Amino acid sequence: MHFFASGGDVDGVSLCLELLQANTGDISHWRRLFDSAGMNPLHRAINNSHVSTVDLLCRTVPDAARICLHAGNVSALHMACRLEPPRPSIVECLLHASGQQAASDFSMPDDTGRTPLDDI
């Protein structure tokens, strides 16, 4: 799934989501799948600026913006706000998934005390 997310392969990620649902009964299980760098598929999609893949994953987990790297308490929203060049469409996607939680997502600090707002 990480491979498909890194490459922006929406069909591949979609197939993986179907298999997760069939095998675990939990389509959101991907959020707990970390690779050797401590990233899950959402982090990989954000890191490679794949908006469609981010959107697909966000639709399966309402609090996607708060999903943190395995270390450092760096949320998906932190990552999106730190992208160079900036990708407001990814930030919007994460905030849309957050709904009413969006305001608090922007104030969530990482382990260094930085919030996503500090990185915009």
PDB file of N, CA and C in Angstrom:
ATOM      1  N   MET A   1       0.823  -1.188   0.000  1.00  0.00           N
ATOM      2  CA  MET A   1       0.000   0.000   0.000  1.00  0.00           C
ATOM      3  C   MET A   1       0.870   1.256   0.000  1.00  0.00           C
ATOM      4  N   HIS A   2       1.977   1.210   0.729  1.00  0.00           N
ATOM      5  CA  HIS A   2       2.902   2.344   0.748  1.00  0.00           C
ATOM      6  C   HIS A   2       3.432   2.638  -0.657  1.00  0.00           C
ATOM      7  N   PHE A   3       3.746   1.588  -1.392  1.00  0.00           N
ATOM      8  CA  PHE A   3       4.255   1.738  -2.758  1.00  0.00           C
ATOM      9  C   PHE A   3       3.239   2.473  -3.625  1.00  0.00           C
ATOM     10  N   PHE A   4       1.979   2.040  -3.565  1.00  0.00           N
ATOM     11  CA  PHE A   4       0.936   2.676  -4.365  1.00  0.00           C
ATOM     12  C   PHE A   4       0.706   4.122  -3.930  1.00  0.00           C
ATOM     13  N   ALA A   5       0.694   4.365  -2.623  1.00  0.00           N
ATOM     14  CA  ALA A   5       0.478   5.727  -2.116  1.00  0.00           C
ATOM     15  C   ALA A   5       1.630   6.646  -2.511  1.00  0.00           C
ATOM     16  N   SER A   6       2.851   6.141  -2.435  1.00  0.00           N
ATOM     17  CA  SER A   6       4.026   6.943  -2.809  1.00  0.00           C
ATOM     18  C   SER A   6       3.987   7.347  -4.269  1.00  0.00           C
ATOM     19  N   GLY A   7       3.454   6.467  -5.108  1.00  0.00           N
ATOM     20  CA  GLY A   7       3.398   6.735  -6.537  1.00  0.00           C
ATOM     21  C   GLY A   7       2.114   7.411  -6.990  1.00  0.00           C
ATOM     22  N   GLY A   8       1.196   7.647  -6.064  1.00  0.00           N
ATOM     23  CA  GLY A   8      -0.065   8.281  -6.427  1.00  0.00           C
ATOM     24  C   GLY A   8      -1.002   7.384  -7.201  1.00  0.00           C
ATOM     25  N   ASP A   9      -0.857   6.078  -7.036  1.00  0.00           N
ATOM     26  CA  ASP A   9      -1.691   5.105  -7.751  1.00  0.00           C
ATOM     27  C   ASP A   9      -2.997   4.897  -6.975  1.00  0.00           C
ATOM     28  N   VAL A  10      -3.999   5.686  -7.319  1.00  0.00           N
ATOM     29  CA  VAL A  10      -5.284   5.638  -6.624  1.00  0.00           C
ATOM     30  C   VAL A  10      -5.937   4.264  -6.756  1.00  0.00           C
ATOM     31  N   ASP A  11      -5.843   3.653  -7.930  1.00  0.00           N
ATOM     32  CA  ASP A  11      -6.432   2.324  -8.121  1.00  0.00           C
ATOM     33  C   ASP A  11      -5.762   1.287  -7.224  1.00  0.00           C
ATOM     34  N   GLY A  12      -4.430   1.361  -7.116  1.00  0.00           N
ATOM     35  CA  GLY A  12      -3.698   0.433  -6.255  1.00  0.00           C
ATOM     36  C   GLY A  12      -4.053   0.619  -4.791  1.00  0.00           C
ATOM     37  N   VAL A  13      -4.155   1.869  -4.358  1.00  0.00           N
ATOM     38  CA  VAL A  13      -4.537   2.149  -2.968  1.00  0.00           C
ATOM     39  C   VAL A  13      -5.967   1.676  -2.729  1.00  0.00           C
ATOM     40  N   SER A  14      -6.837   1.918  -3.682  1.00  0.00           N
ATOM     41  CA  SER A  14      -8.229   1.498  -3.557  1.00  0.00           C
ATOM     42  C   SER A  14      -8.328  -0.022  -3.411  1.00  0.00           C
ATOM     43  N   LEU A  15      -7.547  -0.746  -4.198  1.00  0.00           N
ATOM     44  CA  LEU A  15      -7.525  -2.203  -4.088  1.00  0.00           C
ATOM     45  C   LEU A  15      -7.039  -2.628  -2.703  1.00  0.00           C
ATOM     46  N   CYS A  16      -6.001  -1.992  -2.214  1.00  0.00           N
ATOM     47  CA  CYS A  16      -5.488  -2.306  -0.869  1.00  0.00           C
ATOM     48  C   CYS A  16      -6.545  -2.038   0.196  1.00  0.00           C
ATOM     49  N   LEU A  17      -7.281  -0.945   0.049  1.00  0.00           N
ATOM     50  CA  LEU A  17      -8.348  -0.634   1.007  1.00  0.00           C
ATOM     51  C   LEU A  17      -9.428  -1.713   0.988  1.00  0.00           C
ATOM     52  N   GLU A  18      -9.773  -2.184  -0.201  1.00  0.00           N
ATOM     53  CA  GLU A  18     -10.759  -3.264  -0.312  1.00  0.00           C
ATOM     54  C   GLU A  18     -10.261  -4.527   0.382  1.00  0.00           C
ATOM     55  N   LEU A  19      -8.973  -4.849   0.185  1.00  0.00           N
ATOM     56  CA  LEU A  19      -8.400  -6.034   0.828  1.00  0.00           C
ATOM     57  C   LEU A  19      -8.346  -5.874   2.346  1.00  0.00           C
ATOM     58  N   LEU A  20      -8.017  -4.668   2.821  1.00  0.00           N
ATOM     59  CA  LEU A  20      -8.026  -4.427   4.273  1.00  0.00           C
ATOM     60  C   LEU A  20      -9.417  -4.630   4.848  1.00  0.00           C
ATOM     61  N   GLN A  21     -10.405  -4.089   4.157  1.00  0.00           N
ATOM     62  CA  GLN A  21     -11.789  -4.235   4.617  1.00  0.00           C
ATOM     63  C   GLN A  21     -12.181  -5.711   4.648  1.00  0.00           C
ATOM     64  N   ALA A  22     -11.827  -6.439   3.602  1.00  0.00           N
ATOM     65  CA  ALA A  22     -12.193  -7.852   3.522  1.00  0.00           C
ATOM     66  C   ALA A  22     -11.478  -8.697   4.572  1.00  0.00           C
ATOM     67  N   ASN A  23     -10.204  -8.378   4.849  1.00  0.00           N
ATOM     68  CA  ASN A  23      -9.405  -9.213   5.752  1.00  0.00           C
ATOM     69  C   ASN A  23      -9.460  -8.795   7.215  1.00  0.00           C
ATOM     70  N   THR A  24      -9.688  -7.520   7.481  1.00  0.00           N
ATOM     71  CA  THR A  24      -9.680  -7.055   8.867  1.00  0.00           C
ATOM     72  C   THR A  24     -11.034  -6.543   9.318  1.00  0.00           C
ATOM     73  N   GLY A  25     -11.916  -6.260   8.345  1.00  0.00           N
ATOM     74  CA  GLY A  25     -13.200  -5.664   8.687  1.00  0.00           C
ATOM     75  C   GLY A  25     -13.080  -4.193   9.051  1.00  0.00           C
ATOM     76  N   ASP A  26     -11.886  -3.623   8.845  1.00  0.00           N
ATOM     77  CA  ASP A  26     -11.618  -2.239   9.241  1.00  0.00           C
ATOM     78  C   ASP A  26     -10.869  -1.521   8.124  1.00  0.00           C
ATOM     79  N   ILE A  27     -11.591  -0.742   7.331  1.00  0.00           N
ATOM     80  CA  ILE A  27     -10.959  -0.045   6.205  1.00  0.00           C
ATOM     81  C   ILE A  27      -9.938   0.992   6.677  1.00  0.00           C
ATOM     82  N   SER A  28     -10.063   1.448   7.925  1.00  0.00           N
ATOM     83  CA  SER A  28      -9.128   2.457   8.440  1.00  0.00           C
ATOM     84  C   SER A  28      -7.850   1.845   9.014  1.00  0.00           C
ATOM     85  N   HIS A  29      -7.698   0.544   8.918  1.00  0.00           N
ATOM     86  CA  HIS A  29      -6.523  -0.142   9.471  1.00  0.00           C
ATOM     87  C   HIS A  29      -5.214   0.388   8.888  1.00  0.00           C
ATOM     88  N   TRP A  30      -5.255   0.958   7.695  1.00  0.00           N
ATOM     89  CA  TRP A  30      -4.038   1.478   7.052  1.00  0.00           C
ATOM     90  C   TRP A  30      -3.333   2.510   7.917  1.00  0.00           C
ATOM     91  N   ARG A  31      -4.077   3.211   8.749  1.00  0.00           N
ATOM     92  CA  ARG A  31      -3.476   4.267   9.579  1.00  0.00           C
ATOM     93  C   ARG A  31      -2.447   3.714  10.562  1.00  0.00           C
ATOM     94  N   ARG A  32      -2.494   2.411  10.822  1.00  0.00           N
ATOM     95  CA  ARG A  32      -1.553   1.779  11.752  1.00  0.00           C
ATOM     96  C   ARG A  32      -0.432   1.018  11.041  1.00  0.00           C
ATOM     97  N   LEU A  33      -0.342   1.169   9.720  1.00  0.00           N
ATOM     98  CA  LEU A  33       0.689   0.487   8.930  1.00  0.00           C
ATOM     99  C   LEU A  33       1.861   1.433   8.682  1.00  0.00           C
ATOM    100  N   PHE A  34       2.906   1.305   9.469  1.00  0.00           N
ATOM    101  CA  PHE A  34       4.076   2.171   9.344  1.00  0.00           C
ATOM    102  C   PHE A  34       5.212   1.450   8.634  1.00  0.00           C
ATOM    103  N   ASP A  35       5.898   2.175   7.759  1.00  0.00           N
ATOM    104  CA  ASP A  35       7.061   1.598   7.082  1.00  0.00           C
ATOM    105  C   ASP A  35       8.313   1.849   7.925  1.00  0.00           C
ATOM    106  N   SER A  36       9.477   1.519   7.395  1.00  0.00           N
ATOM    107  CA  SER A  36      10.719   1.649   8.157  1.00  0.00           C
ATOM    108  C   SER A  36      11.072   3.098   8.480  1.00  0.00           C
ATOM    109  N   ALA A  37      10.485   4.055   7.767  1.00  0.00           N
ATOM    110  CA  ALA A  37      10.721   5.472   8.035  1.00  0.00           C
ATOM    111  C   ALA A  37       9.677   6.054   8.997  1.00  0.00           C
ATOM    112  N   GLY A  38       8.772   5.195   9.474  1.00  0.00           N
ATOM    113  CA  GLY A  38       7.747   5.648  10.408  1.00  0.00           C
ATOM    114  C   GLY A  38       6.561   6.315   9.742  1.00  0.00           C
ATOM    115  N   MET A  39       6.395   6.106   8.434  1.00  0.00           N
ATOM    116  CA  MET A  39       5.284   6.715   7.703  1.00  0.00           C
ATOM    117  C   MET A  39       4.229   5.678   7.353  1.00  0.00           C
ATOM    118  N   ASN A  40       2.974   6.124   7.357  1.00  0.00           N
ATOM    119  CA  ASN A  40       1.911   5.265   6.852  1.00  0.00           C
ATOM    120  C   ASN A  40       1.575   5.724   5.426  1.00  0.00           C
ATOM    121  N   PRO A  41       0.653   5.074   4.740  1.00  0.00           N
ATOM    122  CA  PRO A  41       0.365   5.442   3.350  1.00  0.00           C
ATOM    123  C   PRO A  41      -0.040   6.908   3.153  1.00  0.00           C
ATOM    124  N   LEU A  42      -0.767   7.480   4.104  1.00  0.00           N
ATOM    125  CA  LEU A  42      -1.148   8.891   3.978  1.00  0.00           C
ATOM    126  C   LEU A  42       0.082   9.790   3.977  1.00  0.00           C
ATOM    127  N   HIS A  43       1.005   9.529   4.878  1.00  0.00           N
ATOM    128  CA  HIS A  43       2.232  10.327   4.925  1.00  0.00           C
ATOM    129  C   HIS A  43       2.994  10.221   3.609  1.00  0.00           C
ATOM    130  N   ARG A  44       3.050   9.023   3.040  1.00  0.00           N
ATOM    131  CA  ARG A  44       3.746   8.821   1.756  1.00  0.00           C
ATOM    132  C   ARG A  44       3.063   9.620   0.644  1.00  0.00           C
ATOM    133  N   ALA A  45       1.735   9.591   0.623  1.00  0.00           N
ATOM    134  CA  ALA A  45       1.009  10.341  -0.405  1.00  0.00           C
ATOM    135  C   ALA A  45       1.227  11.848  -0.244  1.00  0.00           C
ATOM    136  N   ILE A  46       1.207  12.333   0.979  1.00  0.00           N
ATOM    137  CA  ILE A  46       1.444  13.757   1.230  1.00  0.00           C
ATOM    138  C   ILE A  46       2.858  14.125   0.822  1.00  0.00           C
ATOM    139  N   ASN A  47       3.811  13.326   1.253  1.00  0.00           N
ATOM    140  CA  ASN A  47       5.218  13.594   0.983  1.00  0.00           C
ATOM    141  C   ASN A  47       5.512  13.703  -0.513  1.00  0.00           C
ATOM    142  N   ASN A  48       4.726  12.995  -1.323  1.00  0.00           N
ATOM    143  CA  ASN A  48       4.921  13.014  -2.769  1.00  0.00           C
ATOM    144  C   ASN A  48       3.861  13.843  -3.498  1.00  0.00           C
ATOM    145  N   SER A  49       3.088  14.614  -2.732  1.00  0.00           N
ATOM    146  CA  SER A  49       2.101  15.570  -3.269  1.00  0.00           C
ATOM    147  C   SER A  49       1.041  14.940  -4.163  1.00  0.00           C
ATOM    148  N   HIS A  50       0.526  13.786  -3.762  1.00  0.00           N
ATOM    149  CA  HIS A  50      -0.505  13.099  -4.541  1.00  0.00           C
ATOM    150  C   HIS A  50      -1.888  13.400  -3.956  1.00  0.00           C
ATOM    151  N   VAL A  51      -2.492  14.472  -4.439  1.00  0.00           N
ATOM    152  CA  VAL A  51      -3.756  14.969  -3.901  1.00  0.00           C
ATOM    153  C   VAL A  51      -4.872  13.929  -3.974  1.00  0.00           C
ATOM    154  N   SER A  52      -5.015  13.249  -5.093  1.00  0.00           N
ATOM    155  CA  SER A  52      -6.102  12.268  -5.247  1.00  0.00           C
ATOM    156  C   SER A  52      -5.969  11.119  -4.259  1.00  0.00           C
ATOM    157  N   THR A  53      -4.741  10.695  -4.004  1.00  0.00           N
ATOM    158  CA  THR A  53      -4.512   9.610  -3.048  1.00  0.00           C
ATOM    159  C   THR A  53      -4.794  10.083  -1.629  1.00  0.00           C
ATOM    160  N   VAL A  54      -4.369  11.301  -1.314  1.00  0.00           N
ATOM    161  CA  VAL A  54      -4.660  11.885   0.005  1.00  0.00           C
ATOM    162  C   VAL A  54      -6.177  11.956   0.192  1.00  0.00           C
ATOM    163  N   ASP A  55      -6.882  12.412  -0.819  1.00  0.00           N
ATOM    164  CA  ASP A  55      -8.335  12.525  -0.743  1.00  0.00           C
ATOM    165  C   ASP A  55      -8.984  11.163  -0.486  1.00  0.00           C
ATOM    166  N   LEU A  56      -8.549  10.151  -1.210  1.00  0.00           N
ATOM    167  CA  LEU A  56      -9.103   8.806  -1.030  1.00  0.00           C
ATOM    168  C   LEU A  56      -8.893   8.320   0.403  1.00  0.00           C
ATOM    169  N   LEU A  57      -7.690   8.461   0.920  1.00  0.00           N
ATOM    170  CA  LEU A  57      -7.403   8.002   2.280  1.00  0.00           C
ATOM    171  C   LEU A  57      -8.161   8.821   3.324  1.00  0.00           C
ATOM    172  N   CYS A  58      -8.281  10.123   3.093  1.00  0.00           N
ATOM    173  CA  CYS A  58      -9.024  10.976   4.031  1.00  0.00           C
ATOM    174  C   CYS A  58     -10.494  10.593   4.120  1.00  0.00           C
ATOM    175  N   ARG A  59     -11.039  10.105   3.034  1.00  0.00           N
ATOM    176  CA  ARG A  59     -12.446   9.700   3.049  1.00  0.00           C
ATOM    177  C   ARG A  59     -12.681   8.453   3.892  1.00  0.00           C
ATOM    178  N   THR A  60     -11.629   7.717   4.234  1.00  0.00           N
ATOM    179  CA  THR A  60     -11.797   6.506   5.050  1.00  0.00           C
ATOM    180  C   THR A  60     -11.564   6.750   6.537  1.00  0.00           C
ATOM    181  N   VAL A  61     -10.920   7.876   6.880  1.00  0.00           N
ATOM    182  CA  VAL A  61     -10.618   8.182   8.280  1.00  0.00           C
ATOM    183  C   VAL A  61     -10.926   9.660   8.542  1.00  0.00           C
ATOM    184  N   PRO A  62     -11.952   9.955   9.329  1.00  0.00           N
ATOM    185  CA  PRO A  62     -12.348  11.345   9.555  1.00  0.00           C
ATOM    186  C   PRO A  62     -11.267  12.231  10.185  1.00  0.00           C
ATOM    187  N   ASP A  63     -10.422  11.657  11.022  1.00  0.00           N
ATOM    188  CA  ASP A  63      -9.403  12.486  11.691  1.00  0.00           C
ATOM    189  C   ASP A  63      -8.029  12.333  11.040  1.00  0.00           C
ATOM    190  N   ALA A  64      -8.013  12.193   9.724  1.00  0.00           N
ATOM    191  CA  ALA A  64      -6.764  11.955   8.988  1.00  0.00           C
ATOM    192  C   ALA A  64      -5.707  13.023   9.245  1.00  0.00           C
ATOM    193  N   ALA A  65      -6.107  14.261   9.421  1.00  0.00           N
ATOM    194  CA  ALA A  65      -5.147  15.353   9.628  1.00  0.00           C
ATOM    195  C   ALA A  65      -4.334  15.161  10.896  1.00  0.00           C
ATOM    196  N   ARG A  66      -4.876  14.401  11.852  1.00  0.00           N
ATOM    197  CA  ARG A  66      -4.198  14.208  13.139  1.00  0.00           C
ATOM    198  C   ARG A  66      -3.297  12.968  13.181  1.00  0.00           C
ATOM    199  N   ILE A  67      -3.305  12.177  12.136  1.00  0.00           N
ATOM    200  CA  ILE A  67      -2.497  10.966  12.138  1.00  0.00           C
ATOM    201  C   ILE A  67      -1.027  11.354  12.118  1.00  0.00           C
ATOM    202  N   CYS A  68      -0.288  10.880  13.104  1.00  0.00           N
ATOM    203  CA  CYS A  68       1.106  11.283  13.275  1.00  0.00           C
ATOM    204  C   CYS A  68       2.083  10.246  12.746  1.00  0.00           C
ATOM    205  N   LEU A  69       3.254  10.744  12.389  1.00  0.00           N
ATOM    206  CA  LEU A  69       4.359   9.852  12.067  1.00  0.00           C
ATOM    207  C   LEU A  69       4.634   8.986  13.279  1.00  0.00           C
ATOM    208  N   HIS A  70       5.300   7.879  13.088  1.00  0.00           N
ATOM    209  CA  HIS A  70       5.571   6.972  14.195  1.00  0.00           C
ATOM    210  C   HIS A  70       6.404   7.640  15.295  1.00  0.00           C
ATOM    211  N   ALA A  71       7.182   8.653  14.947  1.00  0.00           N
ATOM    212  CA  ALA A  71       7.996   9.378  15.931  1.00  0.00           C
ATOM    213  C   ALA A  71       7.882  10.884  15.678  1.00  0.00           C
ATOM    214  N   GLY A  72       8.034  11.674  16.712  1.00  0.00           N
ATOM    215  CA  GLY A  72       8.083  13.117  16.567  1.00  0.00           C
ATOM    216  C   GLY A  72       6.757  13.840  16.678  1.00  0.00           C
ATOM    217  N   ASN A  73       5.643  13.098  16.785  1.00  0.00           N
ATOM    218  CA  ASN A  73       4.326  13.702  16.884  1.00  0.00           C
ATOM    219  C   ASN A  73       4.041  14.673  15.737  1.00  0.00           C
ATOM    220  N   VAL A  74       4.605  14.383  14.556  1.00  0.00           N
ATOM    221  CA  VAL A  74       4.387  15.205  13.366  1.00  0.00           C
ATOM    222  C   VAL A  74       3.134  14.674  12.665  1.00  0.00           C
ATOM    223  N   SER A  75       2.093  15.503  12.651  1.00  0.00           N
ATOM    224  CA  SER A  75       0.819  15.068  12.062  1.00  0.00           C
ATOM    225  C   SER A  75       0.852  15.183  10.548  1.00  0.00           C
ATOM    226  N   ALA A  76      -0.149  14.568   9.934  1.00  0.00           N
ATOM    227  CA  ALA A  76      -0.303  14.679   8.486  1.00  0.00           C
ATOM    228  C   ALA A  76      -0.462  16.145   8.087  1.00  0.00           C
ATOM    229  N   LEU A  77      -1.162  16.914   8.910  1.00  0.00           N
ATOM    230  CA  LEU A  77      -1.341  18.334   8.625  1.00  0.00           C
ATOM    231  C   LEU A  77      -0.009  19.088   8.725  1.00  0.00           C
ATOM    232  N   HIS A  78       0.831  18.734   9.698  1.00  0.00           N
ATOM    233  CA  HIS A  78       2.178  19.321   9.778  1.00  0.00           C
ATOM    234  C   HIS A  78       2.925  19.084   8.464  1.00  0.00           C
ATOM    235  N   MET A  79       2.897  17.829   8.014  1.00  0.00           N
ATOM    236  CA  MET A  79       3.608  17.481   6.775  1.00  0.00           C
ATOM    237  C   MET A  79       3.094  18.292   5.597  1.00  0.00           C
ATOM    238  N   ALA A  80       1.777  18.383   5.478  1.00  0.00           N
ATOM    239  CA  ALA A  80       1.185  19.106   4.352  1.00  0.00           C
ATOM    240  C   ALA A  80       1.557  20.586   4.380  1.00  0.00           C
ATOM    241  N   CYS A  81       1.603  21.173   5.558  1.00  0.00           N
ATOM    242  CA  CYS A  81       1.945  22.597   5.672  1.00  0.00           C
ATOM    243  C   CYS A  81       3.423  22.858   5.410  1.00  0.00           C
ATOM    244  N   ARG A  82       4.240  21.830   5.477  1.00  0.00           N
ATOM    245  CA  ARG A  82       5.680  21.981   5.267  1.00  0.00           C
ATOM    246  C   ARG A  82       6.118  21.672   3.838  1.00  0.00           C
ATOM    247  N   LEU A  83       5.194  21.277   2.976  1.00  0.00           N
ATOM    248  CA  LEU A  83       5.565  20.913   1.611  1.00  0.00           C
ATOM    249  C   LEU A  83       6.156  22.096   0.852  1.00  0.00           C
ATOM    250  N   GLU A  84       7.163  21.805   0.076  1.00  0.00           N
ATOM    251  CA  GLU A  84       7.768  22.792  -0.823  1.00  0.00           C
ATOM    252  C   GLU A  84       7.745  22.228  -2.226  1.00  0.00           C
ATOM    253  N   PRO A  85       7.132  22.865  -3.181  1.00  0.00           N
ATOM    254  CA  PRO A  85       6.329  24.084  -3.038  1.00  0.00           C
ATOM    255  C   PRO A  85       5.030  23.783  -2.289  1.00  0.00           C
ATOM    256  N   PRO A  86       4.407  24.824  -1.733  1.00  0.00           N
ATOM    257  CA  PRO A  86       3.164  24.634  -0.974  1.00  0.00           C
ATOM    258  C   PRO A  86       2.080  23.959  -1.820  1.00  0.00           C
ATOM    259  N   ARG A  87       1.299  23.111  -1.185  1.00  0.00           N
ATOM    260  CA  ARG A  87       0.198  22.410  -1.855  1.00  0.00           C
ATOM    261  C   ARG A  87      -1.092  22.650  -1.066  1.00  0.00           C
ATOM    262  N   PRO A  88      -1.704  23.828  -1.236  1.00  0.00           N
ATOM    263  CA  PRO A  88      -2.922  24.123  -0.472  1.00  0.00           C
ATOM    264  C   PRO A  88      -4.037  23.102  -0.687  1.00  0.00           C
ATOM    265  N   SER A  89      -4.069  22.442  -1.834  1.00  0.00           N
ATOM    266  CA  SER A  89      -5.125  21.452  -2.079  1.00  0.00           C
ATOM    267  C   SER A  89      -5.013  20.267  -1.117  1.00  0.00           C
ATOM    268  N   ILE A  90      -3.796  19.910  -0.727  1.00  0.00           N
ATOM    269  CA  ILE A  90      -3.623  18.811   0.233  1.00  0.00           C
ATOM    270  C   ILE A  90      -4.063  19.263   1.625  1.00  0.00           C
ATOM    271  N   VAL A  91      -3.693  20.478   2.001  1.00  0.00           N
ATOM    272  CA  VAL A  91      -4.113  21.023   3.297  1.00  0.00           C
ATOM    273  C   VAL A  91      -5.644  21.087   3.347  1.00  0.00           C
ATOM    274  N   GLU A  92      -6.255  21.577   2.279  1.00  0.00           N
ATOM    275  CA  GLU A  92      -7.716  21.653   2.215  1.00  0.00           C
ATOM    276  C   GLU A  92      -8.362  20.276   2.354  1.00  0.00           C
ATOM    277  N   CYS A  93      -7.786  19.311   1.703  1.00  0.00           N
ATOM    278  CA  CYS A  93      -8.304  17.941   1.765  1.00  0.00           C
ATOM    279  C   CYS A  93      -8.298  17.429   3.211  1.00  0.00           C
ATOM    280  N   LEU A  94      -7.197  17.629   3.899  1.00  0.00           N
ATOM    281  CA  LEU A  94      -7.080  17.188   5.283  1.00  0.00           C
ATOM    282  C   LEU A  94      -8.061  17.934   6.189  1.00  0.00           C
ATOM    283  N   LEU A  95      -8.182  19.236   5.981  1.00  0.00           N
ATOM    284  CA  LEU A  95      -9.086  20.026   6.819  1.00  0.00           C
ATOM    285  C   LEU A  95     -10.540  19.678   6.542  1.00  0.00           C
ATOM    286  N   HIS A  96     -10.868  19.407   5.302  1.00  0.00           N
ATOM    287  CA  HIS A  96     -12.227  18.998   4.966  1.00  0.00           C
ATOM    288  C   HIS A  96     -12.577  17.694   5.688  1.00  0.00           C
ATOM    289  N   ALA A  97     -11.628  16.772   5.727  1.00  0.00           N
ATOM    290  CA  ALA A  97     -11.852  15.496   6.421  1.00  0.00           C
ATOM    291  C   ALA A  97     -12.028  15.719   7.920  1.00  0.00           C
ATOM    292  N   SER A  98     -11.360  16.742   8.458  1.00  0.00           N
ATOM    293  CA  SER A  98     -11.425  17.026   9.897  1.00  0.00           C
ATOM    294  C   SER A  98     -12.747  17.635  10.325  1.00  0.00           C
ATOM    295  N   GLY A  99     -13.414  18.316   9.413  1.00  0.00           N
ATOM    296  CA  GLY A  99     -14.690  18.946   9.750  1.00  0.00           C
ATOM    297  C   GLY A  99     -14.538  19.959  10.858  1.00  0.00           C
ATOM    298  N   GLN A 100     -15.297  19.791  11.918  1.00  0.00           N
ATOM    299  CA  GLN A 100     -15.289  20.754  13.019  1.00  0.00           C
ATOM    300  C   GLN A 100     -14.009  20.706  13.835  1.00  0.00           C
ATOM    301  N   GLN A 101     -13.222  19.661  13.676  1.00  0.00           N
ATOM    302  CA  GLN A 101     -11.946  19.548  14.394  1.00  0.00           C
ATOM    303  C   GLN A 101     -10.849  20.397  13.757  1.00  0.00           C
ATOM    304  N   ALA A 102     -11.079  20.959  12.588  1.00  0.00           N
ATOM    305  CA  ALA A 102     -10.039  21.638  11.805  1.00  0.00           C
ATOM    306  C   ALA A 102      -9.294  22.695  12.603  1.00  0.00           C
ATOM    307  N   ALA A 103     -10.009  23.509  13.364  1.00  0.00           N
ATOM    308  CA  ALA A 103      -9.349  24.579  14.123  1.00  0.00           C
ATOM    309  C   ALA A 103      -8.358  24.010  15.140  1.00  0.00           C
ATOM    310  N   SER A 104      -8.749  22.947  15.823  1.00  0.00           N
ATOM    311  CA  SER A 104      -7.834  22.368  16.814  1.00  0.00           C
ATOM    312  C   SER A 104      -6.678  21.633  16.151  1.00  0.00           C
ATOM    313  N   ASP A 105      -6.888  21.123  14.927  1.00  0.00           N
ATOM    314  CA  ASP A 105      -5.806  20.448  14.207  1.00  0.00           C
ATOM    315  C   ASP A 105      -4.662  21.410  13.921  1.00  0.00           C
ATOM    316  N   PHE A 106      -4.990  22.670  13.641  1.00  0.00           N
ATOM    317  CA  PHE A 106      -3.962  23.665  13.355  1.00  0.00           C
ATOM    318  C   PHE A 106      -3.165  24.052  14.598  1.00  0.00           C
ATOM    319  N   SER A 107      -3.708  23.795  15.784  1.00  0.00           N
ATOM    320  CA  SER A 107      -2.993  24.182  17.003  1.00  0.00           C
ATOM    321  C   SER A 107      -2.294  23.006  17.682  1.00  0.00           C
ATOM    322  N   MET A 108      -2.321  21.836  17.058  1.00  0.00           N
ATOM    323  CA  MET A 108      -1.696  20.649  17.637  1.00  0.00           C
ATOM    324  C   MET A 108      -0.172  20.711  17.451  1.00  0.00           C
ATOM    325  N   PRO A 109       0.592  20.786  18.536  1.00  0.00           N
ATOM    326  CA  PRO A 109       2.053  20.897  18.402  1.00  0.00           C
ATOM    327  C   PRO A 109       2.732  19.547  18.153  1.00  0.00           C
ATOM    328  N   ASP A 110       3.880  19.603  17.471  1.00  0.00           N
ATOM    329  CA  ASP A 110       4.711  18.409  17.346  1.00  0.00           C
ATOM    330  C   ASP A 110       5.631  18.350  18.563  1.00  0.00           C
ATOM    331  N   ASP A 111       6.596  17.437  18.570  1.00  0.00           N
ATOM    332  CA  ASP A 111       7.473  17.294  19.738  1.00  0.00           C
ATOM    333  C   ASP A 111       8.383  18.493  19.976  1.00  0.00           C
ATOM    334  N   THR A 112       8.538  19.348  18.957  1.00  0.00           N
ATOM    335  CA  THR A 112       9.379  20.537  19.128  1.00  0.00           C
ATOM    336  C   THR A 112       8.548  21.757  19.516  1.00  0.00           C
ATOM    337  N   GLY A 113       7.220  21.575  19.600  1.00  0.00           N
ATOM    338  CA  GLY A 113       6.336  22.669  19.960  1.00  0.00           C
ATOM    339  C   GLY A 113       5.779  23.444  18.779  1.00  0.00           C
ATOM    340  N   ARG A 114       6.172  23.070  17.569  1.00  0.00           N
ATOM    341  CA  ARG A 114       5.679  23.752  16.370  1.00  0.00           C
ATOM    342  C   ARG A 114       4.293  23.229  15.986  1.00  0.00           C
ATOM    343  N   THR A 115       3.431  24.135  15.574  1.00  0.00           N
ATOM    344  CA  THR A 115       2.106  23.771  15.100  1.00  0.00           C
ATOM    345  C   THR A 115       2.083  23.881  13.570  1.00  0.00           C
ATOM    346  N   PRO A 116       1.093  23.306  12.909  1.00  0.00           N
ATOM    347  CA  PRO A 116       0.997  23.478  11.465  1.00  0.00           C
ATOM    348  C   PRO A 116       0.945  24.953  11.048  1.00  0.00           C
ATOM    349  N   LEU A 117       0.317  25.786  11.866  1.00  0.00           N
ATOM    350  CA  LEU A 117       0.258  27.227  11.547  1.00  0.00           C
ATOM    351  C   LEU A 117       1.643  27.847  11.501  1.00  0.00           C
ATOM    352  N   ASP A 118       2.576  27.321  12.295  1.00  0.00           N
ATOM    353  CA  ASP A 118       3.952  27.847  12.285  1.00  0.00           C
ATOM    354  C   ASP A 118       4.649  27.566  10.959  1.00  0.00           C
ATOM    355  N   ASP A 119       4.154  26.600  10.229  1.00  0.00           N
ATOM    356  CA  ASP A 119       4.824  26.176   8.998  1.00  0.00           C
ATOM    357  C   ASP A 119       4.191  26.711   7.726  1.00  0.00           C
ATOM    358  N   ILE A 120       3.136  27.496   7.881  1.00  0.00           N
ATOM    359  CA  ILE A 120       2.487  28.047   6.674  1.00  0.00           C
ATOM    360  C   ILE A 120       3.216  29.305   6.253  1.00  0.00           C
TER     361      ILE A 120
END
